[in-house]
PDB file of N, CA and C in Angstrom:
ATOM      1  N   MET A   1      38.728  30.972  34.459  1.00  0.00           N
ATOM      2  CA  MET A   1      40.076  31.482  34.562  1.00  0.00           C
ATOM      3  C   MET A   1      40.052  32.987  34.290  1.00  0.00           C
ATOM      4  N   ARG A   2      40.840  33.720  35.067  1.00  0.00           N
ATOM      5  CA  ARG A   2      40.926  35.166  34.891  1.00  0.00           C
ATOM      6  C   ARG A   2      41.751  35.525  33.677  1.00  0.00           C
ATOM      7  N   LYS A   3      41.298  36.504  32.953  1.00  0.00           N
ATOM      8  CA  LYS A   3      42.012  36.973  31.767  1.00  0.00           C
ATOM      9  C   LYS A   3      43.177  37.873  32.206  1.00  0.00           C
ATOM     10  N   THR A   4      44.321  37.723  31.577  1.00  0.00           N
ATOM     11  CA  THR A   4      45.478  38.560  31.878  1.00  0.00           C
ATOM     12  C   THR A   4      45.198  39.991  31.436  1.00  0.00           C
ATOM     13  N   GLN A   5      45.547  40.940  32.297  1.00  0.00           N
ATOM     14  CA  GLN A   5      45.351  42.343  31.966  1.00  0.00           C
ATOM     15  C   GLN A   5      46.698  43.037  31.894  1.00  0.00           C
ATOM     16  N   ILE A   6      46.816  43.928  30.944  1.00  0.00           N
ATOM     17  CA  ILE A   6      48.017  44.742  30.839  1.00  0.00           C
ATOM     18  C   ILE A   6      47.776  46.020  31.634  1.00  0.00           C
ATOM     19  N   LEU A   7      48.720  46.362  32.478  1.00  0.00           N
ATOM     20  CA  LEU A   7      48.601  47.562  33.292  1.00  0.00           C
ATOM     21  C   LEU A   7      48.519  48.788  32.405  1.00  0.00           C
ATOM     22  N   LYS A   8      47.544  49.643  32.680  1.00  0.00           N
ATOM     23  CA  LYS A   8      47.303  50.811  31.832  1.00  0.00           C
ATOM     24  C   LYS A   8      47.831  52.104  32.449  1.00  0.00           C
ATOM     25  N   TRP A   9      48.333  52.024  33.676  1.00  0.00           N
ATOM     26  CA  TRP A   9      48.748  53.234  34.379  1.00  0.00           C
ATOM     27  C   TRP A   9      50.246  53.205  34.638  1.00  0.00           C
ATOM     28  N   PRO A  10      50.837  54.365  34.796  1.00  0.00           N
ATOM     29  CA  PRO A  10      52.248  54.388  35.211  1.00  0.00           C
ATOM     30  C   PRO A  10      52.379  53.907  36.658  1.00  0.00           C
ATOM     31  N   VAL A  11      53.540  53.420  36.996  1.00  0.00           N
ATOM     32  CA  VAL A  11      53.843  52.991  38.363  1.00  0.00           C
ATOM     33  C   VAL A  11      55.002  53.842  38.843  1.00  0.00           C
ATOM     34  N   ASP A  12      54.828  54.486  39.983  1.00  0.00           N
ATOM     35  CA  ASP A  12      55.867  55.334  40.561  1.00  0.00           C
ATOM     36  C   ASP A  12      56.306  54.742  41.892  1.00  0.00           C
ATOM     37  N   VAL A  13      57.614  54.670  42.095  1.00  0.00           N
ATOM     38  CA  VAL A  13      58.179  54.135  43.331  1.00  0.00           C
ATOM     39  C   VAL A  13      59.117  55.178  43.923  1.00  0.00           C
ATOM     40  N   GLN A  14      58.921  55.474  45.193  1.00  0.00           N
ATOM     41  CA  GLN A  14      59.840  56.331  45.950  1.00  0.00           C
ATOM     42  C   GLN A  14      60.321  55.517  47.139  1.00  0.00           C
ATOM     43  N   ALA A  15      61.600  55.586  47.429  1.00  0.00           N
ATOM     44  CA  ALA A  15      62.138  54.847  48.567  1.00  0.00           C
ATOM     45  C   ALA A  15      63.280  55.620  49.196  1.00  0.00           C
ATOM     46  N   ALA A  16      63.412  55.464  50.496  1.00  0.00           N
ATOM     47  CA  ALA A  16      64.529  56.078  51.226  1.00  0.00           C
ATOM     48  C   ALA A  16      64.975  55.136  52.331  1.00  0.00           C
ATOM     49  N   ASN A  17      66.282  54.983  52.455  1.00  0.00           N
ATOM     50  CA  ASN A  17      66.911  54.206  53.523  1.00  0.00           C
ATOM     51  C   ASN A  17      66.474  52.744  53.539  1.00  0.00           C
ATOM     52  N   ILE A  18      66.331  52.167  52.349  1.00  0.00           N
ATOM     53  CA  ILE A  18      65.978  50.756  52.208  1.00  0.00           C
ATOM     54  C   ILE A  18      67.196  50.031  51.633  1.00  0.00           C
ATOM     55  N   GLY A  19      67.629  48.950  52.287  1.00  0.00           N
ATOM     56  CA  GLY A  19      68.816  48.216  51.813  1.00  0.00           C
ATOM     57  C   GLY A  19      69.999  49.150  51.701  1.00  0.00           C
ATOM     58  N   GLY A  20      70.545  49.291  50.504  1.00  0.00           N
ATOM     59  CA  GLY A  20      71.663  50.209  50.276  1.00  0.00           C
ATOM     60  C   GLY A  20      71.244  51.530  49.659  1.00  0.00           C
ATOM     61  N   ILE A  21      69.955  51.778  49.557  1.00  0.00           N
ATOM     62  CA  ILE A  21      69.442  52.982  48.893  1.00  0.00           C
ATOM     63  C   ILE A  21      69.335  54.146  49.873  1.00  0.00           C
ATOM     64  N   ASN A  22      69.973  55.266  49.531  1.00  0.00           N
ATOM     65  CA  ASN A  22      69.767  56.493  50.307  1.00  0.00           C
ATOM     66  C   ASN A  22      68.388  57.050  50.017  1.00  0.00           C
ATOM     67  N   GLU A  23      68.148  57.357  48.754  1.00  0.00           N
ATOM     68  CA  GLU A  23      66.861  57.895  48.325  1.00  0.00           C
ATOM     69  C   GLU A  23      66.751  57.719  46.810  1.00  0.00           C
ATOM     70  N   THR A  24      65.556  57.338  46.345  1.00  0.00           N
ATOM     71  CA  THR A  24      65.355  57.181  44.909  1.00  0.00           C
ATOM     72  C   THR A  24      63.899  57.386  44.538  1.00  0.00           C
ATOM     73  N   GLU A  25      63.684  57.787  43.313  1.00  0.00           N
ATOM     74  CA  GLU A  25      62.358  57.882  42.702  1.00  0.00           C
ATOM     75  C   GLU A  25      62.473  57.291  41.310  1.00  0.00           C
ATOM     76  N   VAL A  26      61.583  56.339  40.984  1.00  0.00           N
ATOM     77  CA  VAL A  26      61.584  55.699  39.676  1.00  0.00           C
ATOM     78  C   VAL A  26      60.157  55.652  39.170  1.00  0.00           C
ATOM     79  N   SER A  27      59.967  55.997  37.900  1.00  0.00           N
ATOM     80  CA  SER A  27      58.658  55.898  37.255  1.00  0.00           C
ATOM     81  C   SER A  27      58.748  54.879  36.134  1.00  0.00           C
ATOM     82  N   PHE A  28      57.770  53.985  36.107  1.00  0.00           N
ATOM     83  CA  PHE A  28      57.677  52.970  35.059  1.00  0.00           C
ATOM     84  C   PHE A  28      56.464  53.268  34.203  1.00  0.00           C
ATOM     85  N   SER A  29      56.651  53.249  32.901  1.00  0.00           N
ATOM     86  CA  SER A  29      55.531  53.354  31.968  1.00  0.00           C
ATOM     87  C   SER A  29      54.913  51.974  31.813  1.00  0.00           C
ATOM     88  N   PRO A  30      53.660  51.901  31.372  1.00  0.00           N
ATOM     89  CA  PRO A  30      53.072  50.576  31.132  1.00  0.00           C
ATOM     90  C   PRO A  30      53.927  49.791  30.141  1.00  0.00           C
ATOM     91  N   GLY A  31      54.056  48.501  30.377  1.00  0.00           N
ATOM     92  CA  GLY A  31      54.864  47.636  29.513  1.00  0.00           C
ATOM     93  C   GLY A  31      55.890  46.882  30.324  1.00  0.00           C
ATOM     94  N   VAL A  32      56.922  46.422  29.681  1.00  0.00           N
ATOM     95  CA  VAL A  32      57.973  45.638  30.318  1.00  0.00           C
ATOM     96  C   VAL A  32      59.066  46.569  30.824  1.00  0.00           C
ATOM     97  N   ALA A  33      59.554  46.304  32.030  1.00  0.00           N
ATOM     98  CA  ALA A  33      60.655  47.087  32.598  1.00  0.00           C
ATOM     99  C   ALA A  33      61.816  46.140  32.894  1.00  0.00           C
ATOM    100  N   ILE A  34      63.007  46.588  32.594  1.00  0.00           N
ATOM    101  CA  ILE A  34      64.207  45.799  32.842  1.00  0.00           C
ATOM    102  C   ILE A  34      65.157  46.634  33.696  1.00  0.00           C
ATOM    103  N   LEU A  35      65.630  46.051  34.796  1.00  0.00           N
ATOM    104  CA  LEU A  35      66.625  46.714  35.639  1.00  0.00           C
ATOM    105  C   LEU A  35      67.991  46.176  35.249  1.00  0.00           C
ATOM    106  N   MET A  36      68.882  47.065  34.846  1.00  0.00           N
ATOM    107  CA  MET A  36      70.232  46.659  34.462  1.00  0.00           C
ATOM    108  C   MET A  36      71.235  47.536  35.200  1.00  0.00           C
ATOM    109  N   GLY A  37      72.403  46.997  35.410  1.00  0.00           N
ATOM    110  CA  GLY A  37      73.462  47.777  36.023  1.00  0.00           C
ATOM    111  C   GLY A  37      74.593  46.889  36.484  1.00  0.00           C
ATOM    112  N   ARG A  38      75.697  47.528  36.806  1.00  0.00           N
ATOM    113  CA  ARG A  38      76.853  46.801  37.323  1.00  0.00           C
ATOM    114  C   ARG A  38      76.511  46.216  38.690  1.00  0.00           C
ATOM    115  N   ASN A  39      77.373  45.328  39.160  1.00  0.00           N
ATOM    116  CA  ASN A  39      77.208  44.795  40.510  1.00  0.00           C
ATOM    117  C   ASN A  39      77.239  45.923  41.526  1.00  0.00           C
ATOM    118  N   ALA A  40      76.570  45.716  42.640  1.00  0.00           N
ATOM    119  CA  ALA A  40      76.547  46.665  43.766  1.00  0.00           C
ATOM    120  C   ALA A  40      75.941  48.015  43.385  1.00  0.00           C
ATOM    121  N   THR A  41      74.887  47.988  42.557  1.00  0.00           N
ATOM    122  CA  THR A  41      74.194  49.236  42.199  1.00  0.00           C
ATOM    123  C   THR A  41      72.789  49.286  42.790  1.00  0.00           C
ATOM    124  N   ASN A  42      72.507  48.430  43.780  1.00  0.00           N
ATOM    125  CA  ASN A  42      71.263  48.428  44.559  1.00  0.00           C
ATOM    126  C   ASN A  42      70.026  47.976  43.793  1.00  0.00           C
ATOM    127  N   ARG A  43      70.204  47.157  42.773  1.00  0.00           N
ATOM    128  CA  ARG A  43      69.031  46.599  42.081  1.00  0.00           C
ATOM    129  C   ARG A  43      68.221  45.723  43.028  1.00  0.00           C
ATOM    130  N   THR A  44      68.878  44.849  43.791  1.00  0.00           N
ATOM    131  CA  THR A  44      68.157  43.983  44.724  1.00  0.00           C
ATOM    132  C   THR A  44      67.502  44.808  45.827  1.00  0.00           C
ATOM    133  N   SER A  45      68.161  45.838  46.312  1.00  0.00           N
ATOM    134  CA  SER A  45      67.552  46.716  47.323  1.00  0.00           C
ATOM    135  C   SER A  45      66.293  47.370  46.765  1.00  0.00           C
ATOM    136  N   PHE A  46      66.334  47.778  45.502  1.00  0.00           N
ATOM    137  CA  PHE A  46      65.170  48.396  44.879  1.00  0.00           C
ATOM    138  C   PHE A  46      64.028  47.385  44.753  1.00  0.00           C
ATOM    139  N   LEU A  47      64.352  46.155  44.343  1.00  0.00           N
ATOM    140  CA  LEU A  47      63.319  45.127  44.251  1.00  0.00           C
ATOM    141  C   LEU A  47      62.731  44.814  45.624  1.00  0.00           C
ATOM    142  N   ARG A  48      63.576  44.790  46.653  1.00  0.00           N
ATOM    143  CA  ARG A  48      63.072  44.559  48.018  1.00  0.00           C
ATOM    144  C   ARG A  48      62.187  45.725  48.482  1.00  0.00           C
ATOM    145  N   ALA A  49      62.493  46.938  48.040  1.00  0.00           N
ATOM    146  CA  ALA A  49      61.631  48.083  48.364  1.00  0.00           C
ATOM    147  C   ALA A  49      60.255  47.889  47.734  1.00  0.00           C
ATOM    148  N   ILE A  50      60.215  47.451  46.479  1.00  0.00           N
ATOM    149  CA  ILE A  50      58.926  47.177  45.827  1.00  0.00           C
ATOM    150  C   ILE A  50      58.202  46.053  46.565  1.00  0.00           C
ATOM    151  N   MET A  51      58.940  45.020  46.955  1.00  0.00           N
ATOM    152  CA  MET A  51      58.343  43.926  47.721  1.00  0.00           C
ATOM    153  C   MET A  51      57.711  44.444  49.007  1.00  0.00           C
ATOM    154  N   ALA A  52      58.403  45.346  49.702  1.00  0.00           N
ATOM    155  CA  ALA A  52      57.865  45.906  50.941  1.00  0.00           C
ATOM    156  C   ALA A  52      56.579  46.678  50.677  1.00  0.00           C
ATOM    157  N   ALA A  53      56.561  47.459  49.609  1.00  0.00           N
ATOM    158  CA  ALA A  53      55.360  48.220  49.264  1.00  0.00           C
ATOM    159  C   ALA A  53      54.191  47.292  48.983  1.00  0.00           C
ATOM    160  N   LEU A  54      54.468  46.149  48.366  1.00  0.00           N
ATOM    161  CA  LEU A  54      53.410  45.194  48.047  1.00  0.00           C
ATOM    162  C   LEU A  54      52.937  44.422  49.269  1.00  0.00           C
ATOM    163  N   GLY A  55      53.801  44.295  50.298  1.00  0.00           N
ATOM    164  CA  GLY A  55      53.374  43.640  51.529  1.00  0.00           C
ATOM    165  C   GLY A  55      54.366  42.690  52.142  1.00  0.00           C
ATOM    166  N   SER A  56      55.488  42.447  51.499  1.00  0.00           N
ATOM    167  CA  SER A  56      56.480  41.539  52.047  1.00  0.00           C
ATOM    168  C   SER A  56      57.140  42.137  53.288  1.00  0.00           C
ATOM    169  N   GLU A  57      57.522  41.266  54.200  1.00  0.00           N
ATOM    170  CA  GLU A  57      58.269  41.685  55.388  1.00  0.00           C
ATOM    171  C   GLU A  57      59.765  41.459  55.191  1.00  0.00           C
ATOM    172  N   SER A  58      60.174  41.014  54.010  1.00  0.00           N
ATOM    173  CA  SER A  58      61.558  40.644  53.726  1.00  0.00           C
ATOM    174  C   SER A  58      62.357  41.827  53.186  1.00  0.00           C
ATOM    175  N   THR A  59      62.441  42.881  53.973  1.00  0.00           N
ATOM    176  CA  THR A  59      63.138  44.098  53.571  1.00  0.00           C
ATOM    177  C   THR A  59      63.925  44.624  54.759  1.00  0.00           C
ATOM    178  N   SER A  60      65.052  45.253  54.497  1.00  0.00           N
ATOM    179  CA  SER A  60      65.879  45.768  55.590  1.00  0.00           C
ATOM    180  C   SER A  60      66.094  47.269  55.439  1.00  0.00           C
ATOM    181  N   LEU A  61      66.392  47.875  56.552  1.00  0.00           N
ATOM    182  CA  LEU A  61      66.765  49.290  56.566  1.00  0.00           C
ATOM    183  C   LEU A  61      68.216  49.439  56.165  1.00  0.00           C
ATOM    184  N   LYS A  62      68.551  50.604  55.669  1.00  0.00           N
ATOM    185  CA  LYS A  62      69.943  50.956  55.395  1.00  0.00           C
ATOM    186  C   LYS A  62      70.697  50.884  56.724  1.00  0.00           C
ATOM    187  N   GLY A  63      71.910  50.373  56.704  1.00  0.00           N
ATOM    188  CA  GLY A  63      72.671  50.118  57.920  1.00  0.00           C
ATOM    189  C   GLY A  63      72.825  51.290  58.869  1.00  0.00           C
ATOM    190  N   ASP A  64      72.885  52.526  58.351  1.00  0.00           N
ATOM    191  CA  ASP A  64      73.084  53.690  59.213  1.00  0.00           C
ATOM    192  C   ASP A  64      71.780  54.455  59.477  1.00  0.00           C
ATOM    193  N   SER A  65      70.628  53.808  59.275  1.00  0.00           N
ATOM    194  CA  SER A  65      69.342  54.496  59.421  1.00  0.00           C
ATOM    195  C   SER A  65      68.454  53.843  60.470  1.00  0.00           C
ATOM    196  N   ASP A  66      67.664  54.661  61.132  1.00  0.00           N
ATOM    197  CA  ASP A  66      66.684  54.174  62.096  1.00  0.00           C
ATOM    198  C   ASP A  66      65.292  54.082  61.492  1.00  0.00           C
ATOM    199  N   GLU A  67      65.094  54.714  60.322  1.00  0.00           N
ATOM    200  CA  GLU A  67      63.791  54.637  59.668  1.00  0.00           C
ATOM    201  C   GLU A  67      63.944  54.830  58.168  1.00  0.00           C
ATOM    202  N   GLY A  68      62.986  54.307  57.448  1.00  0.00           N
ATOM    203  CA  GLY A  68      62.958  54.434  56.002  1.00  0.00           C
ATOM    204  C   GLY A  68      61.531  54.272  55.524  1.00  0.00           C
ATOM    205  N   TYR A  69      61.318  54.419  54.231  1.00  0.00           N
ATOM    206  CA  TYR A  69      59.966  54.252  53.691  1.00  0.00           C
ATOM    207  C   TYR A  69      60.041  53.847  52.229  1.00  0.00           C
ATOM    208  N   VAL A  70      58.931  53.326  51.763  1.00  0.00           N
ATOM    209  CA  VAL A  70      58.742  53.079  50.336  1.00  0.00           C
ATOM    210  C   VAL A  70      57.292  53.416  50.022  1.00  0.00           C
ATOM    211  N   GLU A  71      57.111  54.099  48.907  1.00  0.00           N
ATOM    212  CA  GLU A  71      55.778  54.475  48.456  1.00  0.00           C
ATOM    213  C   GLU A  71      55.598  53.969  47.035  1.00  0.00           C
ATOM    214  N   LEU A  72      54.482  53.312  46.789  1.00  0.00           N
ATOM    215  CA  LEU A  72      54.165  52.754  45.479  1.00  0.00           C
ATOM    216  C   LEU A  72      52.852  53.363  45.013  1.00  0.00           C
ATOM    217  N   ALA A  73      52.870  53.991  43.850  1.00  0.00           N
ATOM    218  CA  ALA A  73      51.663  54.580  43.277  1.00  0.00           C
ATOM    219  C   ALA A  73      51.378  53.900  41.945  1.00  0.00           C
ATOM    220  N   VAL A  74      50.197  53.320  41.840  1.00  0.00           N
ATOM    221  CA  VAL A  74      49.733  52.692  40.607  1.00  0.00           C
ATOM    222  C   VAL A  74      48.474  53.433  40.204  1.00  0.00           C
ATOM    223  N   GLY A  75      48.609  54.264  39.179  1.00  0.00           N
ATOM    224  CA  GLY A  75      47.481  55.129  38.823  1.00  0.00           C
ATOM    225  C   GLY A  75      47.168  56.055  39.984  1.00  0.00           C
ATOM    226  N   ASP A  76      45.916  56.034  40.444  1.00  0.00           N
ATOM    227  CA  ASP A  76      45.496  56.881  41.569  1.00  0.00           C
ATOM    228  C   ASP A  76      45.594  56.177  42.916  1.00  0.00           C
ATOM    229  N   ASP A  77      46.026  54.920  42.929  1.00  0.00           N
ATOM    230  CA  ASP A  77      46.106  54.128  44.150  1.00  0.00           C
ATOM    231  C   ASP A  77      47.532  54.179  44.695  1.00  0.00           C
ATOM    232  N   THR A  78      47.696  54.657  45.927  1.00  0.00           N
ATOM    233  CA  THR A  78      49.022  54.803  46.529  1.00  0.00           C
ATOM    234  C   THR A  78      49.103  54.014  47.827  1.00  0.00           C
ATOM    235  N   SER A  79      50.231  53.343  48.017  1.00  0.00           N
ATOM    236  CA  SER A  79      50.501  52.598  49.233  1.00  0.00           C
ATOM    237  C   SER A  79      51.832  53.065  49.793  1.00  0.00           C
ATOM    238  N   ARG A  80      51.901  53.269  51.096  1.00  0.00           N
ATOM    239  CA  ARG A  80      53.145  53.715  51.741  1.00  0.00           C
ATOM    240  C   ARG A  80      53.429  52.803  52.924  1.00  0.00           C
ATOM    241  N   ARG A  81      54.653  52.269  52.952  1.00  0.00           N
ATOM    242  CA  ARG A  81      55.110  51.463  54.082  1.00  0.00           C
ATOM    243  C   ARG A  81      56.271  52.195  54.739  1.00  0.00           C
ATOM    244  N   VAL A  82      56.292  52.153  56.044  1.00  0.00           N
ATOM    245  CA  VAL A  82      57.346  52.786  56.826  1.00  0.00           C
ATOM    246  C   VAL A  82      58.064  51.693  57.611  1.00  0.00           C
ATOM    247  N   LEU A  83      59.382  51.739  57.605  1.00  0.00           N
ATOM    248  CA  LEU A  83      60.203  50.801  58.359  1.00  0.00           C
ATOM    249  C   LEU A  83      60.897  51.579  59.458  1.00  0.00           C
ATOM    250  N   GLU A  84      60.818  51.072  60.682  1.00  0.00           N
ATOM    251  CA  GLU A  84      61.465  51.736  61.811  1.00  0.00           C
ATOM    252  C   GLU A  84      62.237  50.712  62.629  1.00  0.00           C
ATOM    253  N   LEU A  85      63.390  51.126  63.112  1.00  0.00           N
ATOM    254  CA  LEU A  85      64.206  50.284  63.968  1.00  0.00           C
ATOM    255  C   LEU A  85      63.732  50.465  65.405  1.00  0.00           C
ATOM    256  N   GLU A  86      63.271  49.366  66.013  1.00  0.00           N
ATOM    257  CA  GLU A  86      62.796  49.411  67.405  1.00  0.00           C
ATOM    258  C   GLU A  86      63.404  48.237  68.158  1.00  0.00           C
ATOM    259  N   GLY A  87      64.242  48.538  69.121  1.00  0.00           N
ATOM    260  CA  GLY A  87      64.862  47.492  69.929  1.00  0.00           C
ATOM    261  C   GLY A  87      65.700  46.514  69.130  1.00  0.00           C
ATOM    262  N   GLY A  88      66.352  46.994  68.090  1.00  0.00           N
ATOM    263  CA  GLY A  88      67.206  46.153  67.268  1.00  0.00           C
ATOM    264  C   GLY A  88      66.481  45.395  66.164  1.00  0.00           C
ATOM    265  N   ALA A  89      65.151  45.528  66.093  1.00  0.00           N
ATOM    266  CA  ALA A  89      64.380  44.844  65.053  1.00  0.00           C
ATOM    267  C   ALA A  89      63.696  45.875  64.155  1.00  0.00           C
ATOM    268  N   VAL A  90      63.506  45.513  62.893  1.00  0.00           N
ATOM    269  CA  VAL A  90      62.810  46.394  61.954  1.00  0.00           C
ATOM    270  C   VAL A  90      61.314  46.117  62.050  1.00  0.00           C
ATOM    271  N   VAL A  91      60.555  47.183  62.301  1.00  0.00           N
ATOM    272  CA  VAL A  91      59.101  47.090  62.413  1.00  0.00           C
ATOM    273  C   VAL A  91      58.496  47.787  61.206  1.00  0.00           C
ATOM    274  N   MET A  92      57.576  47.088  60.533  1.00  0.00           N
ATOM    275  CA  MET A  92      56.922  47.631  59.339  1.00  0.00           C
ATOM    276  C   MET A  92      55.588  48.249  59.735  1.00  0.00           C
ATOM    277  N   GLY A  93      55.321  49.435  59.174  1.00  0.00           N
ATOM    278  CA  GLY A  93      54.039  50.082  59.385  1.00  0.00           C
ATOM    279  C   GLY A  93      53.456  50.513  58.057  1.00  0.00           C
ATOM    280  N   GLY A  94      52.248  50.990  58.087  1.00  0.00           N
ATOM    281  CA  GLY A  94      51.590  51.436  56.868  1.00  0.00           C
ATOM    282  C   GLY A  94      50.805  50.324  56.208  1.00  0.00           C
ATOM    283  N   GLU A  95      50.103  50.678  55.158  1.00  0.00           N
ATOM    284  CA  GLU A  95      49.251  49.728  54.448  1.00  0.00           C
ATOM    285  C   GLU A  95      49.934  49.218  53.188  1.00  0.00           C
ATOM    286  N   PRO A  96      50.118  47.906  53.071  1.00  0.00           N
ATOM    287  CA  PRO A  96      50.696  47.367  51.850  1.00  0.00           C
ATOM    288  C   PRO A  96      49.711  47.447  50.684  1.00  0.00           C
ATOM    289  N   TYR A  97      50.231  47.409  49.483  1.00  0.00           N
ATOM    290  CA  TYR A  97      49.407  47.462  48.279  1.00  0.00           C
ATOM    291  C   TYR A  97      48.525  46.216  48.173  1.00  0.00           C
ATOM    292  N   LEU A  98      49.095  45.053  48.474  1.00  0.00           N
ATOM    293  CA  LEU A  98      48.336  43.804  48.432  1.00  0.00           C
ATOM    294  C   LEU A  98      47.725  43.528  49.800  1.00  0.00           C
ATOM    295  N   GLY A  99      46.509  43.022  49.814  1.00  0.00           N
ATOM    296  CA  GLY A  99      45.879  42.668  51.082  1.00  0.00           C
ATOM    297  C   GLY A  99      46.558  41.485  51.742  1.00  0.00           C
ATOM    298  N   ASP A 100      47.006  40.509  50.954  1.00  0.00           N
ATOM    299  CA  ASP A 100      47.681  39.321  51.455  1.00  0.00           C
ATOM    300  C   ASP A 100      48.864  39.034  50.542  1.00  0.00           C
ATOM    301  N   SER A 101      50.057  39.149  51.065  1.00  0.00           N
ATOM    302  CA  SER A 101      51.248  38.992  50.213  1.00  0.00           C
ATOM    303  C   SER A 101      51.843  37.593  50.261  1.00  0.00           C
ATOM    304  N   GLU A 102      51.197  36.645  50.926  1.00  0.00           N
ATOM    305  CA  GLU A 102      51.781  35.311  51.060  1.00  0.00           C
ATOM    306  C   GLU A 102      52.045  34.662  49.697  1.00  0.00           C
ATOM    307  N   GLY A 103      51.087  34.736  48.784  1.00  0.00           N
ATOM    308  CA  GLY A 103      51.279  34.171  47.445  1.00  0.00           C
ATOM    309  C   GLY A 103      52.411  34.863  46.708  1.00  0.00           C
ATOM    310  N   ALA A 104      52.476  36.191  46.833  1.00  0.00           N
ATOM    311  CA  ALA A 104      53.555  36.939  46.183  1.00  0.00           C
ATOM    312  C   ALA A 104      54.900  36.593  46.812  1.00  0.00           C
ATOM    313  N   ASP A 105      54.938  36.440  48.140  1.00  0.00           N
ATOM    314  CA  ASP A 105      56.189  36.065  48.812  1.00  0.00           C
ATOM    315  C   ASP A 105      56.715  34.733  48.288  1.00  0.00           C
ATOM    316  N   LEU A 106      55.812  33.785  48.041  1.00  0.00           N
ATOM    317  CA  LEU A 106      56.239  32.458  47.603  1.00  0.00           C
ATOM    318  C   LEU A 106      56.503  32.350  46.106  1.00  0.00           C
ATOM    319  N   PHE A 107      55.705  33.050  45.278  1.00  0.00           N
ATOM    320  CA  PHE A 107      55.759  32.786  43.853  1.00  0.00           C
ATOM    321  C   PHE A 107      56.205  33.953  42.982  1.00  0.00           C
ATOM    322  N   ALA A 108      56.254  35.147  43.506  1.00  0.00           N
ATOM    323  CA  ALA A 108      56.700  36.291  42.703  1.00  0.00           C
ATOM    324  C   ALA A 108      58.041  36.833  43.194  1.00  0.00           C
ATOM    325  N   PHE A 109      58.252  36.849  44.491  1.00  0.00           N
ATOM    326  CA  PHE A 109      59.481  37.384  45.060  1.00  0.00           C
ATOM    327  C   PHE A 109      60.504  36.262  45.168  1.00  0.00           C
ATOM    328  N   LEU A 110      61.067  35.858  44.061  1.00  0.00           N
ATOM    329  CA  LEU A 110      61.921  34.664  44.018  1.00  0.00           C
ATOM    330  C   LEU A 110      63.385  35.000  44.285  1.00  0.00           C
ATOM    331  N   LEU A 111      63.657  35.384  45.513  1.00  0.00           N
ATOM    332  CA  LEU A 111      65.036  35.630  45.925  1.00  0.00           C
ATOM    333  C   LEU A 111      65.640  34.333  46.457  1.00  0.00           C
ATOM    334  N   LYS A 112      66.932  34.319  46.671  1.00  0.00           N
ATOM    335  CA  LYS A 112      67.618  33.072  47.026  1.00  0.00           C
ATOM    336  C   LYS A 112      67.141  32.457  48.335  1.00  0.00           C
ATOM    337  N   ASN A 113      66.554  33.240  49.245  1.00  0.00           N
ATOM    338  CA  ASN A 113      66.092  32.696  50.520  1.00  0.00           C
ATOM    339  C   ASN A 113      64.627  32.267  50.480  1.00  0.00           C
ATOM    340  N   ASN A 114      64.011  32.233  49.295  1.00  0.00           N
ATOM    341  CA  ASN A 114      62.619  31.862  49.153  1.00  0.00           C
ATOM    342  C   ASN A 114      62.476  30.340  49.368  1.00  0.00           C
ATOM    343  N   GLU A 115      61.565  29.945  50.257  1.00  0.00           N
ATOM    344  CA  GLU A 115      61.404  28.520  50.567  1.00  0.00           C
ATOM    345  C   GLU A 115      60.809  27.726  49.412  1.00  0.00           C
ATOM    346  N   ALA A 116      60.203  28.385  48.418  1.00  0.00           N
ATOM    347  CA  ALA A 116      59.645  27.676  47.281  1.00  0.00           C
ATOM    348  C   ALA A 116      60.720  27.334  46.228  1.00  0.00           C
ATOM    349  N   CYS A 117      61.904  27.951  46.344  1.00  0.00           N
ATOM    350  CA  CYS A 117      62.954  27.699  45.338  1.00  0.00           C
ATOM    351  C   CYS A 117      63.732  26.450  45.644  1.00  0.00           C
TER     352      CYS A 117
END
């Protein structure tokens, strides 16, 4: 069994035109992070941006945008995903942080439309 490791590096997230987010930059220090806020403050959009950076396809563009991006930096390792509207569909480009996000889609990204819930 693999031993649990505590992340030793800061995590930086930049996103633009994802869900309801115009543009944001958030830095997390190692440890536990809690997102709090009133309703309609784009917490779910921010989580979906992180999901996109990790490799999920379950992310949408801001309604008035044709393109957006999310960048995730963990220590010296950076991943950037670009979302573009092509023919009415959102197309994801760039390299996700995870090589295979299927396990994360089923067991970590527990949103209401998750088939494992």
